C-alpha atoms as a PDB file:
ATOM      1  CA  MET A   1     -25.222  -4.492 -17.708  1.00  0.00           C
ATOM      2  CA  LEU A   2     -27.767  -7.284 -17.475  1.00  0.00           C
ATOM      3  CA  LEU A   3     -27.815  -8.542 -13.901  1.00  0.00           C
ATOM      4  CA  SER A   4     -29.445 -11.951 -13.572  1.00  0.00           C
ATOM      5  CA  PHE A   5     -30.262 -14.069 -10.541  1.00  0.00           C
ATOM      6  CA  ASN A   6     -31.333 -16.907 -12.843  1.00  0.00           C
ATOM      7  CA  TYR A   7     -29.085 -19.764 -14.002  1.00  0.00           C
ATOM      8  CA  THR A   8     -30.458 -19.780 -17.548  1.00  0.00           C
ATOM      9  CA  ALA A   9     -29.974 -17.473 -20.539  1.00  0.00           C
ATOM     10  CA  THR A  10     -33.711 -16.641 -20.648  1.00  0.00           C
ATOM     11  CA  ALA A  11     -33.205 -12.890 -20.226  1.00  0.00           C
ATOM     12  CA  LYS A  12     -30.973 -12.776 -23.310  1.00  0.00           C
ATOM     13  CA  MET A  13     -33.848 -14.149 -25.444  1.00  0.00           C
ATOM     14  CA  TYR A  14     -36.057 -11.091 -24.857  1.00  0.00           C
ATOM     15  CA  GLY A  15     -34.091  -8.719 -27.026  1.00  0.00           C
ATOM     16  CA  ASN A  16     -30.984  -8.089 -29.019  1.00  0.00           C
ATOM     17  CA  PHE A  17     -29.307  -5.796 -26.519  1.00  0.00           C
ATOM     18  CA  ASN A  18     -25.673  -4.842 -26.586  1.00  0.00           C
ATOM     19  CA  LEU A  19     -25.195  -5.480 -22.870  1.00  0.00           C
ATOM     20  CA  ASP A  20     -22.736  -7.342 -20.713  1.00  0.00           C
ATOM     21  CA  SER A  21     -24.327 -10.097 -18.641  1.00  0.00           C
ATOM     22  CA  ASN A  22     -23.538 -10.910 -15.034  1.00  0.00           C
ATOM     23  CA  TYR A  23     -25.051 -14.061 -13.558  1.00  0.00           C
ATOM     24  CA  ILE A  24     -24.986 -13.685  -9.784  1.00  0.00           C
ATOM     25  CA  TYR A  25     -25.316 -17.397  -8.959  1.00  0.00           C
ATOM     26  CA  GLY A  26     -23.604 -18.823 -12.042  1.00  0.00           C
ATOM     27  CA  GLU A  27     -24.694 -20.216 -15.396  1.00  0.00           C
ATOM     28  CA  LEU A  28     -25.890 -23.639 -16.523  1.00  0.00           C
ATOM     29  CA  GLU A  29     -23.186 -23.609 -19.194  1.00  0.00           C
ATOM     30  CA  HIS A  30     -20.559 -23.552 -16.408  1.00  0.00           C
ATOM     31  CA  PRO A  31     -21.908 -25.921 -13.724  1.00  0.00           C
ATOM     32  CA  LYS A  32     -18.744 -25.828 -11.601  1.00  0.00           C
ATOM     33  CA  ASN A  33     -19.353 -22.122 -10.915  1.00  0.00           C
ATOM     34  CA  ILE A  34     -22.989 -22.412  -9.794  1.00  0.00           C
ATOM     35  CA  ILE A  35     -23.816 -21.267  -6.266  1.00  0.00           C
ATOM     36  CA  VAL A  36     -26.833 -23.215  -4.996  1.00  0.00           C
ATOM     37  CA  GLY A  37     -27.098 -21.682  -1.550  1.00  0.00           C
ATOM     38  CA  TYR A  38     -25.191 -19.748   1.026  1.00  0.00           C
ATOM     39  CA  GLY A  39     -25.360 -19.954   4.804  1.00  0.00           C
ATOM     40  CA  ASP A  40     -23.427 -17.823   7.219  1.00  0.00           C
ATOM     41  CA  GLU A  41     -22.407 -20.763   9.384  1.00  0.00           C
ATOM     42  CA  LEU A  42     -19.407 -18.838  10.678  1.00  0.00           C
ATOM     43  CA  ASP A  43     -21.639 -16.328  12.477  1.00  0.00           C
ATOM     44  CA  LYS A  44     -22.098 -17.144  16.201  1.00  0.00           C
ATOM     45  CA  ASP A  45     -25.873 -16.417  15.917  1.00  0.00           C
ATOM     46  CA  TYR A  46     -26.338 -18.944  13.087  1.00  0.00           C
END
């Protein structure tokens, strides 16, 4: 498993690995799924 916090496929360019990729914040190829930021505005201390 390749776990990436980057939006780009840069990590895939560094080798020919037989790994599944998981992009935590989304991918540039799927812009509707990108997470730009997260705030816990529901917390009373926020």
